[in-house]
C-alpha cells in the first residue's frame, strides 16, 4: 500500500464497511476526554495531553451552518483552551469535501495513521488446545502487572517521553473514560521498571488495542507481541469480536508485528493543523 495522507478505506481490504464505521465510532469513544463539546456536528476535544485524537475536531455530521462559520467558532474555542486547532480527517468525515477545502486553505496534512483490523478471531482458536498464548507466564526476570489508570499513564508517559502535564492529562482521560479498559504491563522483577505495556477497550463486540509500547532497550524480544496476545485473550463476546488498533503509517516494524497477529490494514486517517 502507498503511505500518503489520503483518508481512505484501503482497496481490497475486504472488511464490511459497516464494521469499519463501528470501529471508527468505538475509537472515538475509547479516546474520549472529559473536556469536549459539540458544535453543529463537530466534536471538539480539549485534552491538553499528547494524543492528538483527544485534542482535535472530529467532523462526524454535516451540520447546518457553513463550515467556514463553524471553523471560526472552533478557532475561538481552541484559543480559549490554549491548544492548536487540529482537524482529524477520516473516510467518515462529513462533509466529504472538508479535507479538500482545508488543503486549499493551506492546512498541512500531518501524522498519517493506519487502522488495522482483525476479525478472524485467531486468538479464540488458540484456546481450543488449552492455555491461550495470551495467558503464558512472563519471561524470566519479568512479571505481569495490572496497573491502575494513573500508574499506567505514568508508565506510558515514561516510555514515550511525555511531559508531566501530558502524563497528568492522560491519567485524567483514562480515569474518566466511558469505556472500561483492561491494562497490562511487563515489569522487571529486580527493580519494577516497566518494559512493555498496553491496554484494551471493548465496546460490545469491538475491541481496541491502545498504548502498546516497549522500552527501547527491551525491543526485539517479542514483549509487545506478548502484551497484545494477553489483551486479546481476555476479550469477551467471542467468537464474534473484531479487534482493531491504530498505528503510524510509517511505522513499518510495528505493522509487521501486528500483521503476524492477524491484523490487516483497513483504512487511513490523518490530521490537518491550522498553519
Protein backbone atom coordinates (compact mmCIF):
# COMPACT_ATOMS: atom_id res chain seq x y z
CA UNK A 1 0.00 0.00 0.00
CA UNK A 2 1.12 3.58 -0.51
CA UNK A 3 1.74 5.71 2.52
CA UNK A 4 0.26 9.05 1.55
CA UNK A 5 -2.07 11.23 3.57
CA UNK A 6 -5.27 10.14 1.83
CA UNK A 7 -8.03 9.30 4.31
CA UNK A 8 -9.48 6.28 2.55
CA UNK A 9 -10.72 2.77 3.07
CA UNK A 10 -7.89 0.65 1.68
CA UNK A 11 -8.71 -1.03 -1.62
CA UNK A 12 -9.15 -4.77 -1.34
CA UNK A 13 -9.13 -4.84 2.47
CA UNK A 14 -12.30 -6.94 2.35
CA UNK A 15 -13.82 -5.59 5.56
CA UNK A 16 -17.52 -4.82 5.88
CA UNK A 17 -17.97 -1.02 5.61
CA UNK A 18 -20.45 -1.18 8.49
CA UNK A 19 -17.82 -2.86 10.69
CA UNK A 20 -15.29 -0.13 9.83
CA UNK A 21 -17.85 2.56 10.68
CA UNK A 22 -18.47 0.88 14.05
CA UNK A 23 -14.73 0.67 14.66
CA UNK A 24 -14.40 4.40 13.94
CA UNK A 25 -17.16 5.13 16.47
CA UNK A 26 -15.51 2.84 19.02
CA UNK A 27 -12.17 4.58 18.51
CA UNK A 28 -13.77 7.98 19.14
CA UNK A 29 -15.43 6.68 22.30
CA UNK A 30 -12.26 4.98 23.54
CA UNK A 31 -10.29 8.23 23.39
CA UNK A 32 -12.99 10.48 24.84
CA UNK A 33 -11.70 13.10 27.31
CA UNK A 34 -13.96 14.87 29.81
CA UNK A 35 -13.12 18.16 28.04
CA UNK A 36 -15.23 18.01 24.90
CA UNK A 37 -18.34 19.55 23.41
CA UNK A 38 -20.41 19.53 20.24
CA UNK A 39 -20.50 22.29 17.65
CA UNK A 40 -23.10 21.70 14.90
CA UNK A 41 -21.95 18.18 14.05
CA UNK A 42 -18.31 18.68 15.06
CA UNK A 43 -16.98 17.02 18.20
CA UNK A 44 -14.43 19.40 19.75
CA UNK A 45 -11.95 17.91 22.21
CA UNK A 46 -9.68 19.88 24.51
CA UNK A 47 -7.49 17.44 26.44
CA UNK A 48 -4.04 19.03 26.97
CA UNK A 49 -2.35 15.62 26.65
CA UNK A 50 -0.04 14.30 23.96
CA UNK A 51 -2.59 12.27 21.97
CA UNK A 52 -3.98 14.34 19.10
CA UNK A 53 -7.15 12.25 18.98
CA UNK A 54 -8.10 13.72 22.37
CA UNK A 55 -7.43 17.35 21.39
CA UNK A 56 -8.81 17.66 17.88
CA UNK A 57 -12.04 18.13 15.94
CA UNK A 58 -13.93 15.11 14.66
CA UNK A 59 -16.33 16.22 11.93
CA UNK A 60 -18.86 13.41 12.19
CA UNK A 61 -22.04 15.08 10.89
CA UNK A 62 -22.93 17.56 8.15
CA UNK A 63 -24.40 20.16 10.49
CA UNK A 64 -26.42 23.17 9.40
CA UNK A 65 -24.08 26.17 9.39
CA UNK A 66 -21.39 26.85 6.76
CA UNK A 67 -18.11 25.15 7.62
CA UNK A 68 -16.24 28.46 7.49
CA UNK A 69 -18.52 29.84 10.21
CA UNK A 70 -18.02 26.73 12.35
CA UNK A 71 -14.30 26.96 11.81
CA UNK A 72 -14.28 30.49 13.20
CA UNK A 73 -16.17 29.39 16.30
CA UNK A 74 -13.88 26.38 16.72
CA UNK A 75 -10.80 28.58 16.39
CA UNK A 76 -12.07 30.76 19.24
CA UNK A 77 -12.74 27.70 21.40
CA UNK A 78 -9.25 26.24 20.91
CA UNK A 79 -7.66 29.62 21.50
CA UNK A 80 -9.55 29.85 24.80
CA UNK A 81 -8.16 26.42 25.76
CA UNK A 82 -4.67 27.42 24.59
CA UNK A 83 -4.49 24.49 22.21
CA UNK A 84 -3.60 24.34 18.50
CA UNK A 85 -6.53 23.92 16.12
CA UNK A 86 -6.32 20.39 14.65
CA UNK A 87 -8.87 18.60 12.45
CA UNK A 88 -8.95 14.79 12.21
CA UNK A 89 -9.77 13.59 8.69
CA UNK A 90 -11.08 10.05 8.16
CA UNK A 91 -13.03 8.26 5.41
CA UNK A 92 -16.11 9.02 7.53
CA UNK A 93 -15.52 12.80 7.83
CA UNK A 94 -18.51 14.93 6.83
CA UNK A 95 -18.79 16.76 4.57
CA UNK A 96 -16.54 14.56 2.44
CA UNK A 97 -15.11 17.68 0.78
CA UNK A 98 -13.76 19.08 4.06
CA UNK A 99 -10.27 17.68 3.51
CA UNK A 100 -10.02 19.31 0.09
CA UNK A 101 -11.29 22.62 1.47
CA UNK A 102 -8.67 22.62 4.22
CA UNK A 103 -5.97 21.63 1.75
CA UNK A 104 -6.87 24.57 -0.48
CA UNK A 105 -6.84 26.83 2.59
CA UNK A 106 -3.22 25.81 3.25
CA UNK A 107 -3.68 23.48 6.22
CA UNK A 108 -0.82 20.93 6.10
CA UNK A 109 -1.63 17.23 6.47
CA UNK A 110 0.25 15.58 9.35
CA UNK A 111 0.54 12.24 11.17
CA UNK A 112 -0.92 9.76 8.65
CA UNK A 113 -2.23 6.74 10.54
CA UNK A 114 -3.37 3.25 9.52
CA UNK A 115 -6.24 1.50 11.28
CA UNK A 116 -5.63 -2.26 11.27
CA UNK A 117 -8.39 -4.79 11.93
CA UNK A 118 -8.54 -8.49 12.83
CA UNK A 119 -11.97 -10.08 12.59
CA UNK A 120 -10.68 -13.63 12.08
CA UNK A 121 -10.71 -14.31 15.86
CA UNK A 122 -7.41 -16.19 15.63
CA UNK A 123 -6.90 -15.71 19.37
CA UNK A 124 -10.12 -17.62 20.09
CA UNK A 125 -8.98 -20.59 18.01
CA UNK A 126 -5.78 -20.72 20.04
CA UNK A 127 -7.78 -21.59 23.15
CA UNK A 128 -9.05 -24.85 21.70
CA UNK A 129 -5.86 -26.70 22.60
CA UNK A 130 -5.75 -25.49 26.19
CA UNK A 131 -4.00 -22.45 27.58
CA UNK A 132 -4.13 -19.36 25.39
CA UNK A 133 -0.78 -17.85 24.33
CA UNK A 134 -2.04 -14.67 25.95
CA UNK A 135 -2.11 -16.38 29.33
CA UNK A 136 1.51 -17.54 29.17
CA UNK A 137 3.86 -16.80 32.04
CA UNK A 138 6.15 -13.78 31.79
CA UNK A 139 9.71 -14.33 30.51
CA UNK A 140 12.46 -14.92 33.04
CA UNK A 141 13.25 -11.78 35.00
CA UNK A 142 9.89 -10.18 34.20
CA UNK A 143 6.46 -10.23 35.80
CA UNK A 144 2.96 -9.31 34.69
CA UNK A 145 1.40 -6.29 36.39
CA UNK A 146 -2.08 -4.85 36.03
CA UNK A 147 -1.75 -1.11 36.77
CA UNK A 148 -4.45 1.39 37.63
CA UNK A 149 -5.05 4.35 35.32
CA UNK A 150 -2.62 6.81 36.94
CA UNK A 151 0.19 4.26 37.16
CA UNK A 152 -0.42 3.18 33.57
CA UNK A 153 -0.35 6.77 32.28
CA UNK A 154 2.91 7.39 34.15
CA UNK A 155 4.42 4.23 32.68
CA UNK A 156 3.35 5.02 29.12
CA UNK A 157 4.50 8.61 29.51
CA UNK A 158 7.89 7.47 30.69
CA UNK A 159 8.29 5.16 27.71
CA UNK A 160 7.40 7.82 25.16
CA UNK A 161 9.00 10.82 26.86
CA UNK A 162 5.85 12.73 27.79
CA UNK A 163 5.91 15.80 30.00
CA UNK A 164 4.42 15.80 33.49
CA UNK A 165 1.45 17.82 32.21
CA UNK A 166 0.84 15.38 29.38
CA UNK A 167 1.00 12.41 31.76
CA UNK A 168 -1.48 14.07 34.10
CA UNK A 169 -3.86 14.77 31.20
CA UNK A 170 -3.56 11.16 30.02
CA UNK A 171 -4.31 9.84 33.51
CA UNK A 172 -7.31 12.15 33.82
CA UNK A 173 -8.67 10.91 30.49
CA UNK A 174 -8.20 7.25 31.44
CA UNK A 175 -9.85 7.73 34.83
CA UNK A 176 -12.94 9.25 33.20
CA UNK A 177 -13.11 7.02 30.12
CA UNK A 178 -16.67 5.99 29.13
CA UNK A 179 -15.44 2.55 28.01
CA UNK A 180 -13.94 0.07 30.53
CA UNK A 181 -10.29 -0.81 29.99
CA UNK A 182 -8.02 -3.79 30.68
CA UNK A 183 -4.37 -2.83 31.24
CA UNK A 184 -1.27 -4.98 31.40
CA UNK A 185 2.43 -4.30 31.80
CA UNK A 186 5.59 -6.38 31.92
CA UNK A 187 7.91 -5.15 34.67
CA UNK A 188 11.44 -6.16 35.57
CA UNK A 189 11.36 -8.12 38.80
CA UNK A 190 14.70 -6.73 40.02
CA UNK A 191 13.56 -3.10 40.21
CA UNK A 192 9.95 -2.92 38.94
CA UNK A 193 10.93 -0.96 35.82
CA UNK A 194 8.25 -1.14 33.13
CA UNK A 195 9.45 -2.90 29.96
CA UNK A 196 6.26 -3.12 27.88
CA UNK A 197 2.59 -2.28 28.28
CA UNK A 198 -0.75 -1.87 26.59
CA UNK A 199 -4.47 -1.59 27.20
CA UNK A 200 -7.65 -2.78 25.52
CA UNK A 201 -11.07 -1.14 25.49
CA UNK A 202 -14.07 -3.19 24.46
CA UNK A 203 -17.37 -1.80 23.25
CA UNK A 204 -19.81 -4.60 22.53
CA UNK A 205 -18.12 -6.94 20.08
CA UNK A 206 -15.42 -4.43 19.03
CA UNK A 207 -12.11 -4.46 20.91
CA UNK A 208 -9.46 -1.75 20.52
CA UNK A 209 -5.78 -2.04 21.46
CA UNK A 210 -4.15 1.18 22.65
CA UNK A 211 -0.90 2.48 24.12
CA UNK A 212 1.17 -0.55 23.06
CA UNK A 213 4.72 0.47 23.98
CA UNK A 214 8.01 -1.32 24.60
CA UNK A 215 11.04 0.25 26.25
CA UNK A 216 13.68 0.90 23.60
CA UNK A 217 16.29 -1.22 25.38
CA UNK A 218 13.85 -4.16 25.57
CA UNK A 219 12.79 -4.24 21.93
CA UNK A 220 13.36 -7.26 19.74
CA UNK A 221 12.32 -9.71 22.47
CA UNK A 222 8.66 -10.07 21.49
CA UNK A 223 7.37 -8.29 24.59
CA UNK A 224 4.92 -6.12 22.67
CA UNK A 225 3.53 -9.21 20.98
CA UNK A 226 3.08 -10.87 24.38
CA UNK A 227 1.18 -7.85 25.70
CA UNK A 228 -1.11 -7.83 22.64
CA UNK A 229 -1.81 -11.54 22.95
CA UNK A 230 -2.65 -11.18 26.64
CA UNK A 231 -5.07 -8.35 25.90
CA UNK A 232 -6.68 -10.22 23.01
CA UNK A 233 -7.03 -13.39 25.09
CA UNK A 234 -9.23 -11.53 27.58
CA UNK A 235 -11.73 -10.26 25.02
CA UNK A 236 -15.35 -11.10 25.76
CA UNK A 237 -18.28 -11.95 23.46
CA UNK A 238 -16.09 -14.33 21.50
CA UNK A 239 -16.01 -15.63 18.83
CA UNK A 240 -17.74 -12.70 17.12
CA UNK A 241 -15.44 -9.98 18.48
CA UNK A 242 -13.40 -7.93 15.99
CA UNK A 243 -10.20 -6.22 17.15
CA UNK A 244 -8.63 -3.02 15.85
CA UNK A 245 -5.66 -0.77 16.52
CA UNK A 246 -4.16 2.45 15.16
CA UNK A 247 -0.53 2.69 14.04
CA UNK A 248 1.71 5.33 12.46
CA UNK A 249 1.63 4.86 8.69
CA UNK A 250 5.44 4.95 8.59
CA UNK A 251 5.99 2.54 11.49
CA UNK A 252 6.59 -0.49 9.31
CA UNK A 253 8.13 -2.56 12.12
CA UNK A 254 5.01 -2.28 14.28
CA UNK A 255 2.77 -3.00 11.30
CA UNK A 256 4.74 -6.19 10.62
CA UNK A 257 4.23 -7.33 14.22
CA UNK A 258 0.51 -6.64 14.02
CA UNK A 259 0.20 -8.49 10.71
CA UNK A 260 1.77 -11.51 12.39
CA UNK A 261 -1.05 -11.29 14.93
CA UNK A 262 -3.65 -11.42 12.14
CA UNK A 263 -4.32 -7.69 11.71
CA UNK A 264 -4.73 -6.19 8.24
CA UNK A 265 -4.75 -2.57 7.12
CA UNK A 266 -8.35 -1.36 6.77
CA UNK A 267 -8.39 2.44 6.44
CA UNK A 268 -6.24 5.53 6.86
CA UNK A 269 -6.75 8.86 8.55
CA UNK A 270 -4.64 11.95 9.10
CA UNK A 271 -4.81 15.35 10.75
CA UNK A 272 -4.77 18.87 9.35
CA UNK A 273 -3.41 21.65 11.52
CA UNK A 274 -4.12 25.36 11.27
CA UNK A 275 -0.95 26.96 9.83
